[in-house]
Amino acid sequence: MAKYYVNKNAQANGDHEVHKDGCSYMPHSENRIYLGDFLYCSSAVSEAKKTYNQVNGCYYCSNACHTS
């Protein structure tokens, strides 16, 4: 299991990206919300959607949940 976070700041397209702990693109601590420990990024994305309507997995650390 891994710790997942969502970026409080949306990307230019409106997505709030979900990151796995240790990602080199992890937002600063003041700009992220801890989602919990999950086995799969899909569970973390589902959790993030409780807060934000537009969510996407990080291309680098949660690629299985990243959509173009």
PDB file of N, CA and C in Angstrom:
ATOM      1  N   MET A   1       0.846  -1.181   0.000  1.00  0.00           N
ATOM      2  CA  MET A   1       0.000   0.000   0.000  1.00  0.00           C
ATOM      3  C   MET A   1       0.891   1.244   0.000  1.00  0.00           C
ATOM      4  N   ALA A   2       0.348   2.308  -0.544  1.00  0.00           N
ATOM      5  CA  ALA A   2       1.107   3.553  -0.627  1.00  0.00           C
ATOM      6  C   ALA A   2       0.237   4.713  -0.166  1.00  0.00           C
ATOM      7  N   LYS A   3       0.896   5.762   0.292  1.00  0.00           N
ATOM      8  CA  LYS A   3       0.201   6.978   0.688  1.00  0.00           C
ATOM      9  C   LYS A   3      -0.066   7.807  -0.574  1.00  0.00           C
ATOM     10  N   TYR A   4      -1.280   8.320  -0.681  1.00  0.00           N
ATOM     11  CA  TYR A   4      -1.658   9.134  -1.835  1.00  0.00           C
ATOM     12  C   TYR A   4      -2.132  10.504  -1.386  1.00  0.00           C
ATOM     13  N   TYR A   5      -1.871  11.487  -2.258  1.00  0.00           N
ATOM     14  CA  TYR A   5      -2.231  12.875  -2.005  1.00  0.00           C
ATOM     15  C   TYR A   5      -2.864  13.465  -3.258  1.00  0.00           C
ATOM     16  N   VAL A   6      -3.692  14.492  -3.069  1.00  0.00           N
ATOM     17  CA  VAL A   6      -4.243  15.218  -4.209  1.00  0.00           C
ATOM     18  C   VAL A   6      -3.759  16.661  -4.118  1.00  0.00           C
ATOM     19  N   ASN A   7      -3.422  17.211  -5.249  1.00  0.00           N
ATOM     20  CA  ASN A   7      -2.970  18.597  -5.334  1.00  0.00           C
ATOM     21  C   ASN A   7      -4.165  19.528  -5.163  1.00  0.00           C
ATOM     22  N   LYS A   8      -4.076  20.471  -4.226  1.00  0.00           N
ATOM     23  CA  LYS A   8      -5.147  21.460  -4.023  1.00  0.00           C
ATOM     24  C   LYS A   8      -5.255  22.407  -5.208  1.00  0.00           C
ATOM     25  N   ASN A   9      -4.144  22.613  -5.897  1.00  0.00           N
ATOM     26  CA  ASN A   9      -4.105  23.518  -7.047  1.00  0.00           C
ATOM     27  C   ASN A   9      -4.384  22.747  -8.330  1.00  0.00           C
ATOM     28  N   ALA A  10      -5.351  23.207  -9.079  1.00  0.00           N
ATOM     29  CA  ALA A  10      -5.697  22.548 -10.341  1.00  0.00           C
ATOM     30  C   ALA A  10      -4.650  22.845 -11.408  1.00  0.00           C
ATOM     31  N   GLN A  11      -4.498  21.897 -12.333  1.00  0.00           N
ATOM     32  CA  GLN A  11      -3.656  22.105 -13.505  1.00  0.00           C
ATOM     33  C   GLN A  11      -4.367  23.100 -14.432  1.00  0.00           C
ATOM     34  N   ALA A  12      -3.711  23.505 -15.501  1.00  0.00           N
ATOM     35  CA  ALA A  12      -4.296  24.464 -16.446  1.00  0.00           C
ATOM     36  C   ALA A  12      -5.617  23.963 -17.025  1.00  0.00           C
ATOM     37  N   ASN A  13      -5.766  22.634 -17.142  1.00  0.00           N
ATOM     38  CA  ASN A  13      -6.995  22.065 -17.719  1.00  0.00           C
ATOM     39  C   ASN A  13      -8.071  21.816 -16.663  1.00  0.00           C
ATOM     40  N   GLY A  14      -7.792  22.167 -15.406  1.00  0.00           N
ATOM     41  CA  GLY A  14      -8.775  21.997 -14.337  1.00  0.00           C
ATOM     42  C   GLY A  14      -8.619  20.738 -13.505  1.00  0.00           C
ATOM     43  N   ASP A  15      -7.713  19.842 -13.881  1.00  0.00           N
ATOM     44  CA  ASP A  15      -7.497  18.594 -13.143  1.00  0.00           C
ATOM     45  C   ASP A  15      -6.763  18.842 -11.828  1.00  0.00           C
ATOM     46  N   HIS A  16      -7.200  18.157 -10.792  1.00  0.00           N
ATOM     47  CA  HIS A  16      -6.465  18.075  -9.537  1.00  0.00           C
ATOM     48  C   HIS A  16      -5.769  16.723  -9.572  1.00  0.00           C
ATOM     49  N   GLU A  17      -4.440  16.733  -9.623  1.00  0.00           N
ATOM     50  CA  GLU A  17      -3.694  15.493  -9.802  1.00  0.00           C
ATOM     51  C   GLU A  17      -3.483  14.734  -8.501  1.00  0.00           C
ATOM     52  N   VAL A  18      -3.592  13.405  -8.603  1.00  0.00           N
ATOM     53  CA  VAL A  18      -3.343  12.491  -7.487  1.00  0.00           C
ATOM     54  C   VAL A  18      -1.912  11.976  -7.621  1.00  0.00           C
ATOM     55  N   HIS A  19      -1.165  12.054  -6.502  1.00  0.00           N
ATOM     56  CA  HIS A  19       0.238  11.630  -6.473  1.00  0.00           C
ATOM     57  C   HIS A  19       0.464  10.579  -5.395  1.00  0.00           C
ATOM     58  N   LYS A  20       1.385   9.669  -5.709  1.00  0.00           N
ATOM     59  CA  LYS A  20       1.817   8.665  -4.740  1.00  0.00           C
ATOM     60  C   LYS A  20       3.015   9.230  -3.980  1.00  0.00           C
ATOM     61  N   ASP A  21       3.091   8.932  -2.674  1.00  0.00           N
ATOM     62  CA  ASP A  21       4.191   9.399  -1.843  1.00  0.00           C
ATOM     63  C   ASP A  21       5.526   9.060  -2.498  1.00  0.00           C
ATOM     64  N   GLY A  22       6.410  10.033  -2.570  1.00  0.00           N
ATOM     65  CA  GLY A  22       7.719   9.831  -3.171  1.00  0.00           C
ATOM     66  C   GLY A  22       7.815  10.338  -4.601  1.00  0.00           C
ATOM     67  N   CYS A  23       6.697  10.742  -5.194  1.00  0.00           N
ATOM     68  CA  CYS A  23       6.702  11.248  -6.570  1.00  0.00           C
ATOM     69  C   CYS A  23       7.542  12.521  -6.660  1.00  0.00           C
ATOM     70  N   SER A  24       8.338  12.634  -7.702  1.00  0.00           N
ATOM     71  CA  SER A  24       9.172  13.827  -7.877  1.00  0.00           C
ATOM     72  C   SER A  24       8.333  15.060  -8.244  1.00  0.00           C
ATOM     73  N   TYR A  25       7.058  14.854  -8.593  1.00  0.00           N
ATOM     74  CA  TYR A  25       6.165  15.969  -8.923  1.00  0.00           C
ATOM     75  C   TYR A  25       5.152  16.244  -7.804  1.00  0.00           C
ATOM     76  N   MET A  26       5.423  15.719  -6.616  1.00  0.00           N
ATOM     77  CA  MET A  26       4.551  15.916  -5.461  1.00  0.00           C
ATOM     78  C   MET A  26       4.457  17.406  -5.136  1.00  0.00           C
ATOM     79  N   PRO A  27       3.244  17.908  -4.946  1.00  0.00           N
ATOM     80  CA  PRO A  27       3.113  19.312  -4.549  1.00  0.00           C
ATOM     81  C   PRO A  27       3.646  19.532  -3.133  1.00  0.00           C
ATOM     82  N   HIS A  28       3.999  20.777  -2.828  1.00  0.00           N
ATOM     83  CA  HIS A  28       4.467  21.123  -1.481  1.00  0.00           C
ATOM     84  C   HIS A  28       3.395  20.771  -0.464  1.00  0.00           C
ATOM     85  N   SER A  29       3.797  20.523   0.766  1.00  0.00           N
ATOM     86  CA  SER A  29       2.885  20.053   1.807  1.00  0.00           C
ATOM     87  C   SER A  29       1.678  20.971   1.998  1.00  0.00           C
ATOM     88  N   GLU A  30       1.849  22.274   1.831  1.00  0.00           N
ATOM     89  CA  GLU A  30       0.729  23.192   2.006  1.00  0.00           C
ATOM     90  C   GLU A  30      -0.252  23.164   0.830  1.00  0.00           C
ATOM     91  N   ASN A  31       0.133  22.516  -0.264  1.00  0.00           N
ATOM     92  CA  ASN A  31      -0.693  22.471  -1.473  1.00  0.00           C
ATOM     93  C   ASN A  31      -1.259  21.086  -1.766  1.00  0.00           C
ATOM     94  N   ARG A  32      -1.291  20.228  -0.756  1.00  0.00           N
ATOM     95  CA  ARG A  32      -1.802  18.878  -0.994  1.00  0.00           C
ATOM     96  C   ARG A  32      -2.677  18.420   0.166  1.00  0.00           C
ATOM     97  N   ILE A  33      -3.557  17.460  -0.152  1.00  0.00           N
ATOM     98  CA  ILE A  33      -4.440  16.856   0.834  1.00  0.00           C
ATOM     99  C   ILE A  33      -4.129  15.359   0.863  1.00  0.00           C
ATOM    100  N   TYR A  34      -3.896  14.846   2.062  1.00  0.00           N
ATOM    101  CA  TYR A  34      -3.645  13.411   2.224  1.00  0.00           C
ATOM    102  C   TYR A  34      -4.955  12.659   2.000  1.00  0.00           C
ATOM    103  N   LEU A  35      -4.928  11.681   1.114  1.00  0.00           N
ATOM    104  CA  LEU A  35      -6.122  10.897   0.782  1.00  0.00           C
ATOM    105  C   LEU A  35      -6.215   9.604   1.584  1.00  0.00           C
ATOM    106  N   GLY A  36      -5.075   9.030   1.936  1.00  0.00           N
ATOM    107  CA  GLY A  36      -5.049   7.770   2.658  1.00  0.00           C
ATOM    108  C   GLY A  36      -4.064   6.801   2.029  1.00  0.00           C
ATOM    109  N   ASP A  37      -4.034   5.599   2.573  1.00  0.00           N
ATOM    110  CA  ASP A  37      -3.184   4.520   2.052  1.00  0.00           C
ATOM    111  C   ASP A  37      -4.041   3.617   1.181  1.00  0.00           C
ATOM    112  N   PHE A  38      -3.589   3.393  -0.039  1.00  0.00           N
ATOM    113  CA  PHE A  38      -4.359   2.590  -0.988  1.00  0.00           C
ATOM    114  C   PHE A  38      -3.436   1.631  -1.721  1.00  0.00           C
ATOM    115  N   LEU A  39      -4.003   0.522  -2.140  1.00  0.00           N
ATOM    116  CA  LEU A  39      -3.275  -0.470  -2.918  1.00  0.00           C
ATOM    117  C   LEU A  39      -3.166  -0.027  -4.373  1.00  0.00           C
ATOM    118  N   TYR A  40      -4.214   0.638  -4.870  1.00  0.00           N
ATOM    119  CA  TYR A  40      -4.275   1.066  -6.275  1.00  0.00           C
ATOM    120  C   TYR A  40      -4.591   2.546  -6.377  1.00  0.00           C
ATOM    121  N   CYS A  41      -4.065   3.190  -7.411  1.00  0.00           N
ATOM    122  CA  CYS A  41      -4.329   4.610  -7.604  1.00  0.00           C
ATOM    123  C   CYS A  41      -5.805   4.878  -7.872  1.00  0.00           C
ATOM    124  N   SER A  42      -6.512   3.912  -8.436  1.00  0.00           N
ATOM    125  CA  SER A  42      -7.932   4.107  -8.722  1.00  0.00           C
ATOM    126  C   SER A  42      -8.726   4.387  -7.450  1.00  0.00           C
ATOM    127  N   SER A  43      -8.352   3.747  -6.357  1.00  0.00           N
ATOM    128  CA  SER A  43      -9.018   3.997  -5.075  1.00  0.00           C
ATOM    129  C   SER A  43      -8.707   5.404  -4.577  1.00  0.00           C
ATOM    130  N   ALA A  44      -7.491   5.857  -4.783  1.00  0.00           N
ATOM    131  CA  ALA A  44      -7.103   7.214  -4.380  1.00  0.00           C
ATOM    132  C   ALA A  44      -7.833   8.256  -5.217  1.00  0.00           C
ATOM    133  N   VAL A  45      -7.982   8.005  -6.505  1.00  0.00           N
ATOM    134  CA  VAL A  45      -8.711   8.922  -7.382  1.00  0.00           C
ATOM    135  C   VAL A  45     -10.170   9.002  -6.939  1.00  0.00           C
ATOM    136  N   SER A  46     -10.767   7.878  -6.613  1.00  0.00           N
ATOM    137  CA  SER A  46     -12.152   7.866  -6.127  1.00  0.00           C
ATOM    138  C   SER A  46     -12.287   8.697  -4.859  1.00  0.00           C
ATOM    139  N   GLU A  47     -11.321   8.582  -3.965  1.00  0.00           N
ATOM    140  CA  GLU A  47     -11.337   9.357  -2.724  1.00  0.00           C
ATOM    141  C   GLU A  47     -11.203  10.854  -3.026  1.00  0.00           C
ATOM    142  N   ALA A  48     -10.333  11.198  -3.959  1.00  0.00           N
ATOM    143  CA  ALA A  48     -10.130  12.613  -4.319  1.00  0.00           C
ATOM    144  C   ALA A  48     -11.386  13.218  -4.946  1.00  0.00           C
ATOM    145  N   LYS A  49     -12.159  12.388  -5.638  1.00  0.00           N
ATOM    146  CA  LYS A  49     -13.388  12.878  -6.286  1.00  0.00           C
ATOM    147  C   LYS A  49     -14.467  13.245  -5.269  1.00  0.00           C
ATOM    148  N   LYS A  50     -14.269  12.872  -4.009  1.00  0.00           N
ATOM    149  CA  LYS A  50     -15.186  13.304  -2.950  1.00  0.00           C
ATOM    150  C   LYS A  50     -14.982  14.790  -2.637  1.00  0.00           C
ATOM    151  N   THR A  51     -13.806  15.313  -3.016  1.00  0.00           N
ATOM    152  CA  THR A  51     -13.467  16.714  -2.763  1.00  0.00           C
ATOM    153  C   THR A  51     -13.500  17.548  -4.037  1.00  0.00           C
ATOM    154  N   TYR A  52     -12.994  16.992  -5.132  1.00  0.00           N
ATOM    155  CA  TYR A  52     -12.891  17.728  -6.399  1.00  0.00           C
ATOM    156  C   TYR A  52     -13.634  16.983  -7.499  1.00  0.00           C
ATOM    157  N   ASN A  53     -14.298  17.725  -8.364  1.00  0.00           N
ATOM    158  CA  ASN A  53     -15.034  17.117  -9.477  1.00  0.00           C
ATOM    159  C   ASN A  53     -14.098  16.597 -10.564  1.00  0.00           C
ATOM    160  N   GLN A  54     -13.033  17.317 -10.816  1.00  0.00           N
ATOM    161  CA  GLN A  54     -12.132  16.969 -11.916  1.00  0.00           C
ATOM    162  C   GLN A  54     -10.799  16.492 -11.336  1.00  0.00           C
ATOM    163  N   VAL A  55     -10.565  15.181 -11.427  1.00  0.00           N
ATOM    164  CA  VAL A  55      -9.380  14.547 -10.838  1.00  0.00           C
ATOM    165  C   VAL A  55      -8.710  13.668 -11.877  1.00  0.00           C
ATOM    166  N   ASN A  56      -7.377  13.597 -11.803  1.00  0.00           N
ATOM    167  CA  ASN A  56      -6.616  12.767 -12.730  1.00  0.00           C
ATOM    168  C   ASN A  56      -5.404  12.219 -11.988  1.00  0.00           C
ATOM    169  N   GLY A  57      -4.959  11.053 -12.355  1.00  0.00           N
ATOM    170  CA  GLY A  57      -3.733  10.498 -11.793  1.00  0.00           C
ATOM    171  C   GLY A  57      -2.516  11.157 -12.416  1.00  0.00           C
ATOM    172  N   CYS A  58      -1.486  11.319 -11.639  1.00  0.00           N
ATOM    173  CA  CYS A  58      -0.227  11.879 -12.139  1.00  0.00           C
ATOM    174  C   CYS A  58       0.336  10.960 -13.231  1.00  0.00           C
ATOM    175  N   TYR A  59       0.794  11.554 -14.310  1.00  0.00           N
ATOM    176  CA  TYR A  59       1.363  10.793 -15.425  1.00  0.00           C
ATOM    177  C   TYR A  59       2.559   9.961 -14.957  1.00  0.00           C
ATOM    178  N   TYR A  60       3.326  10.478 -14.001  1.00  0.00           N
ATOM    179  CA  TYR A  60       4.583   9.849 -13.603  1.00  0.00           C
ATOM    180  C   TYR A  60       4.439   8.798 -12.504  1.00  0.00           C
ATOM    181  N   CYS A  61       3.622   9.057 -11.497  1.00  0.00           N
ATOM    182  CA  CYS A  61       3.558   8.122 -10.370  1.00  0.00           C
ATOM    183  C   CYS A  61       2.243   7.336 -10.298  1.00  0.00           C
ATOM    184  N   SER A  62       1.231   7.788 -11.022  1.00  0.00           N
ATOM    185  CA  SER A  62      -0.078   7.114 -11.029  1.00  0.00           C
ATOM    186  C   SER A  62      -0.580   6.968 -12.457  1.00  0.00           C
ATOM    187  N   ASN A  63       0.309   6.523 -13.317  1.00  0.00           N
ATOM    188  CA  ASN A  63       0.030   6.474 -14.749  1.00  0.00           C
ATOM    189  C   ASN A  63      -1.177   5.611 -15.094  1.00  0.00           C
ATOM    190  N   ALA A  64      -1.422   4.558 -14.330  1.00  0.00           N
ATOM    191  CA  ALA A  64      -2.566   3.685 -14.612  1.00  0.00           C
ATOM    192  C   ALA A  64      -3.878   4.451 -14.460  1.00  0.00           C
ATOM    193  N   CYS A  65      -3.850   5.564 -13.729  1.00  0.00           N
ATOM    194  CA  CYS A  65      -5.064   6.366 -13.501  1.00  0.00           C
ATOM    195  C   CYS A  65      -5.016   7.688 -14.255  1.00  0.00           C
ATOM    196  N   HIS A  66      -4.016   7.856 -15.095  1.00  0.00           N
ATOM    197  CA  HIS A  66      -3.880   9.099 -15.862  1.00  0.00           C
ATOM    198  C   HIS A  66      -4.653   8.987 -17.173  1.00  0.00           C
ATOM    199  N   THR A  67      -5.462  10.003 -17.444  1.00  0.00           N
ATOM    200  CA  THR A  67      -6.167  10.060 -18.732  1.00  0.00           C
ATOM    201  C   THR A  67      -5.681  11.288 -19.478  1.00  0.00           C
ATOM    202  N   SER A  68      -5.645  11.185 -20.777  1.00  0.00           N
ATOM    203  CA  SER A  68      -5.140  12.298 -21.605  1.00  0.00           C
ATOM    204  C   SER A  68      -6.081  13.460 -21.620  1.00  0.00           C
TER     205      SER A  68
END
